[in-house]
Amino acid sequence: MNLEQTVTKRRRGKELEDAILQAGWDQVLEAGYGGFTIDAVAERAGTSRSVLYRRWENRNTLLAAALAFGLSTTRVTPPDTGSLREDMLELLRRFTRARARLIPLLSVLLGEYFAETGTSIQDLRRDMFGTSTRTAVDDILDRAVARGEADPARLTPRVRAVAVDLLRHDLLVNFRAVPEGDIVAIVDEVFLPLVRPQGA
């Protein structure tokens, strides 16, 4: 391979940064916080330590960026089936497919990170996604209110979050994808009775 071909193949800019962040994401999933080092990520990405240090101050800033990158690939888009019940069922199905492996794994692997840095999952979420609190459930509920399927007076922050919170709790406790029957129970037995207009 001549010099011109080598230069052509050299990764730069976003391509290089994405490769490093993907390597970092893969590294933390496989080796945990203790195995997440600048050297390990550089080797996995096929680049040098100096390239990483030009972009991130230390391993924790690199880790935060890698987590944001990895989790962004598992973000769940809100379905629009025309029905509140079907939208929520499909949202929870998508959530459990996207996060079943990641939530319990990351909660175990990152305990040391939170202890060492004095941060919390809330801090990490804010750093990754900003201060916006709008969720896929909010989009679904806005449409449901417009159709008369949900009572806006009943939609407190806790009520809006309850279905995803219950699903997330199940993932963390049981370390497996949430079964369809449990998803249906969360929606039919808990969520819908809380959000539907009285007497509906």
Protein backbone atom coordinates (compact mmCIF):
# COMPACT_ATOMS: atom_id res chain seq x y z
CA MET A 1 0.00 0.00 0.00
CA ASN A 2 1.48 3.38 -0.99
CA LEU A 3 1.45 6.56 1.07
CA GLU A 4 -1.48 8.04 -0.85
CA GLN A 5 -3.64 4.98 -0.10
CA THR A 6 -2.63 5.11 3.57
CA VAL A 7 -3.67 8.76 3.86
CA THR A 8 -6.95 8.03 2.07
CA LYS A 9 -7.77 5.28 4.56
CA ARG A 10 -6.86 7.34 7.63
CA ARG A 11 -9.93 8.18 9.68
CA ARG A 12 -10.52 11.78 10.59
CA GLY A 13 -13.11 13.98 12.25
CA LYS A 14 -16.46 12.41 13.03
CA GLU A 15 -15.52 9.05 11.53
CA LEU A 16 -12.57 8.73 13.90
CA GLU A 17 -14.51 10.05 16.89
CA ASP A 18 -17.39 7.63 16.27
CA ALA A 19 -14.93 4.73 16.01
CA ILE A 20 -13.37 5.70 19.35
CA LEU A 21 -16.75 6.08 21.06
CA GLN A 22 -17.95 2.76 19.67
CA ALA A 23 -14.76 1.16 20.98
CA GLY A 24 -15.36 2.78 24.36
CA TRP A 25 -18.96 1.56 24.47
CA ASP A 26 -17.89 -1.97 23.59
CA GLN A 27 -15.10 -1.85 26.16
CA VAL A 28 -17.32 -0.84 29.09
CA LEU A 29 -19.92 -3.47 28.20
CA GLU A 30 -17.30 -6.20 28.03
CA ALA A 31 -14.86 -5.17 30.77
CA GLY A 32 -16.80 -2.85 33.08
CA TYR A 33 -15.56 0.34 34.66
CA GLY A 34 -12.39 -1.29 36.00
CA GLY A 35 -11.41 -2.45 32.52
CA PHE A 36 -12.26 0.85 30.87
CA THR A 37 -8.87 2.49 30.32
CA ILE A 38 -7.51 4.92 27.77
CA ASP A 39 -5.05 2.27 26.62
CA ALA A 40 -7.75 -0.37 26.16
CA VAL A 41 -10.03 1.95 24.20
CA ALA A 42 -7.17 3.23 22.03
CA GLU A 43 -6.12 -0.32 21.19
CA ARG A 44 -9.67 -1.40 20.43
CA ALA A 45 -10.19 1.65 18.22
CA GLY A 46 -6.88 1.12 16.43
CA THR A 47 -5.50 4.52 17.34
CA SER A 48 -3.14 6.12 19.85
CA ARG A 49 -3.54 7.43 23.39
CA SER A 50 -2.61 10.93 22.23
CA VAL A 51 -5.55 10.97 19.80
CA LEU A 52 -7.92 10.23 22.69
CA TYR A 53 -6.34 12.77 25.02
CA ARG A 54 -6.72 15.49 22.39
CA ARG A 55 -10.48 14.98 22.60
CA TRP A 56 -11.13 13.89 26.20
CA GLU A 57 -9.38 15.06 29.35
CA ASN A 58 -9.40 11.71 31.16
CA ARG A 59 -11.02 8.31 31.16
CA ASN A 60 -14.18 9.49 32.94
CA THR A 61 -14.91 12.20 30.38
CA LEU A 62 -14.29 9.61 27.66
CA LEU A 63 -16.59 7.16 29.45
CA ALA A 64 -19.40 9.72 29.69
CA ALA A 65 -19.06 10.40 25.95
CA ALA A 66 -18.98 6.67 25.13
CA LEU A 67 -22.11 6.07 27.21
CA ALA A 68 -23.94 8.92 25.52
CA PHE A 69 -22.92 7.51 22.13
CA GLY A 70 -23.92 3.94 22.96
CA LEU A 71 -27.20 4.78 24.64
CA SER A 72 -28.19 7.09 21.80
CA THR A 73 -28.25 4.04 19.54
CA THR A 74 -30.81 2.40 21.83
CA ARG A 75 -33.18 5.35 22.18
CA VAL A 76 -36.78 4.34 21.65
CA THR A 77 -39.03 6.25 19.25
CA PRO A 78 -42.70 6.65 20.16
CA PRO A 79 -45.10 4.60 18.03
CA ASP A 80 -48.27 6.16 16.61
CA THR A 81 -50.92 3.47 16.18
CA GLY A 82 -53.92 5.75 16.76
CA SER A 83 -54.66 4.13 20.13
CA LEU A 84 -53.28 4.99 23.57
CA ARG A 85 -53.27 1.35 24.67
CA GLU A 86 -51.54 0.07 21.54
CA ASP A 87 -49.03 2.94 21.58
CA MET A 88 -48.04 2.15 25.17
CA LEU A 89 -47.82 -1.59 24.58
CA GLU A 90 -45.59 -1.08 21.55
CA LEU A 91 -43.44 1.51 23.35
CA LEU A 92 -42.77 -0.89 26.24
CA ARG A 93 -42.02 -3.72 23.81
CA ARG A 94 -39.50 -1.53 22.01
CA PHE A 95 -38.00 -0.41 25.31
CA THR A 96 -37.51 -3.95 26.60
CA ARG A 97 -35.97 -5.06 23.28
CA ALA A 98 -33.57 -2.11 23.26
CA ARG A 99 -32.62 -2.08 26.95
CA ALA A 100 -33.09 -5.61 28.33
CA ARG A 101 -29.37 -6.38 28.20
CA LEU A 102 -28.07 -2.91 28.90
CA ILE A 103 -29.90 -1.64 31.99
CA PRO A 104 -28.91 -4.37 34.46
CA LEU A 105 -25.44 -4.66 32.96
CA LEU A 106 -24.71 -0.95 33.19
CA SER A 107 -26.16 -0.66 36.67
CA VAL A 108 -23.68 -3.28 37.89
CA LEU A 109 -20.69 -2.12 35.85
CA LEU A 110 -21.06 1.57 36.65
CA GLY A 111 -21.53 1.37 40.42
CA GLU A 112 -17.79 1.89 40.85
CA TYR A 113 -17.84 4.84 38.46
CA PHE A 114 -20.58 6.61 40.43
CA ALA A 115 -18.80 5.93 43.72
CA GLU A 116 -15.45 7.21 42.43
CA THR A 117 -16.77 10.34 40.73
CA GLY A 118 -19.45 11.21 43.28
CA THR A 119 -22.05 11.37 40.51
CA SER A 120 -25.36 9.60 39.99
CA ILE A 121 -27.39 8.16 37.16
CA GLN A 122 -29.37 11.42 37.12
CA ASP A 123 -26.16 13.40 36.57
CA LEU A 124 -25.14 11.06 33.77
CA ARG A 125 -28.56 11.31 32.11
CA ARG A 126 -28.43 15.12 32.29
CA ASP A 127 -24.94 15.18 30.77
CA MET A 128 -25.99 12.86 27.99
CA PHE A 129 -29.40 14.21 27.08
CA GLY A 130 -29.49 17.74 28.54
CA THR A 131 -32.07 19.15 30.90
CA SER A 132 -35.09 18.40 28.73
CA THR A 133 -37.49 16.08 30.53
CA ARG A 134 -39.73 15.34 27.54
CA THR A 135 -40.11 11.64 26.78
CA ALA A 136 -41.71 9.33 24.25
CA VAL A 137 -44.59 8.85 26.70
CA ASP A 138 -45.27 12.60 26.57
CA ASP A 139 -45.72 12.41 22.79
CA ILE A 140 -48.08 9.46 23.16
CA LEU A 141 -50.09 11.17 25.90
CA ASP A 142 -50.38 14.43 23.95
CA ARG A 143 -52.04 12.53 21.12
CA ALA A 144 -54.20 10.58 23.57
CA VAL A 145 -55.44 13.82 25.19
CA ALA A 146 -56.35 15.19 21.75
CA ARG A 147 -58.37 12.02 21.06
CA GLY A 148 -60.07 12.16 24.46
CA GLU A 149 -58.37 8.97 25.68
CA ALA A 150 -56.45 10.62 28.53
CA ASP A 151 -57.40 13.25 31.10
CA PRO A 152 -54.74 16.01 31.21
CA ALA A 153 -55.67 16.81 34.81
CA ARG A 154 -54.53 13.34 35.85
CA LEU A 155 -51.19 13.40 34.05
CA THR A 156 -48.82 14.25 36.89
CA PRO A 157 -45.08 13.62 36.35
CA ARG A 158 -45.31 10.42 38.42
CA VAL A 159 -48.29 9.12 36.44
CA ARG A 160 -46.57 9.90 33.13
CA ALA A 161 -43.47 7.97 34.21
CA VAL A 162 -45.08 5.02 35.96
CA ALA A 163 -45.22 2.56 33.04
CA VAL A 164 -41.58 2.98 32.00
CA ASP A 165 -40.49 3.06 35.67
CA LEU A 166 -42.20 -0.27 36.32
CA LEU A 167 -40.65 -1.78 33.19
CA ARG A 168 -37.20 -0.49 34.14
CA HIS A 169 -37.59 -1.89 37.67
CA ASP A 170 -38.50 -5.29 36.24
CA LEU A 171 -35.41 -5.23 34.01
CA LEU A 172 -33.14 -4.33 36.93
CA VAL A 173 -34.58 -6.89 39.33
CA ASN A 174 -35.00 -9.85 37.00
CA PHE A 175 -32.10 -9.37 34.55
CA ARG A 176 -34.14 -10.47 31.56
CA ALA A 177 -36.49 -9.08 28.95
CA VAL A 178 -39.91 -8.28 30.37
CA PRO A 179 -42.45 -10.92 29.23
CA GLU A 180 -45.38 -9.84 27.07
CA GLY A 181 -47.89 -10.70 29.80
CA ASP A 182 -46.15 -8.36 32.23
CA ILE A 183 -46.08 -5.56 29.66
CA VAL A 184 -49.82 -5.96 29.12
CA ALA A 185 -50.40 -5.94 32.89
CA ILE A 186 -48.38 -2.73 33.34
CA VAL A 187 -50.45 -0.99 30.67
CA ASP A 188 -53.92 -2.44 31.43
CA GLU A 189 -53.79 -2.75 35.21
CA VAL A 190 -51.69 0.26 36.19
CA PHE A 191 -51.17 2.85 33.47
CA LEU A 192 -54.53 3.10 31.71
CA PRO A 193 -56.64 3.29 34.90
CA LEU A 194 -54.45 6.19 36.04
CA VAL A 195 -54.63 8.28 32.85
CA ARG A 196 -58.09 7.65 31.41
CA PRO A 197 -60.88 10.13 32.11
CA GLN A 198 -63.00 9.17 35.11
CA GLY A 199 -65.81 6.84 34.11
CA ALA A 200 -64.24 6.02 30.72
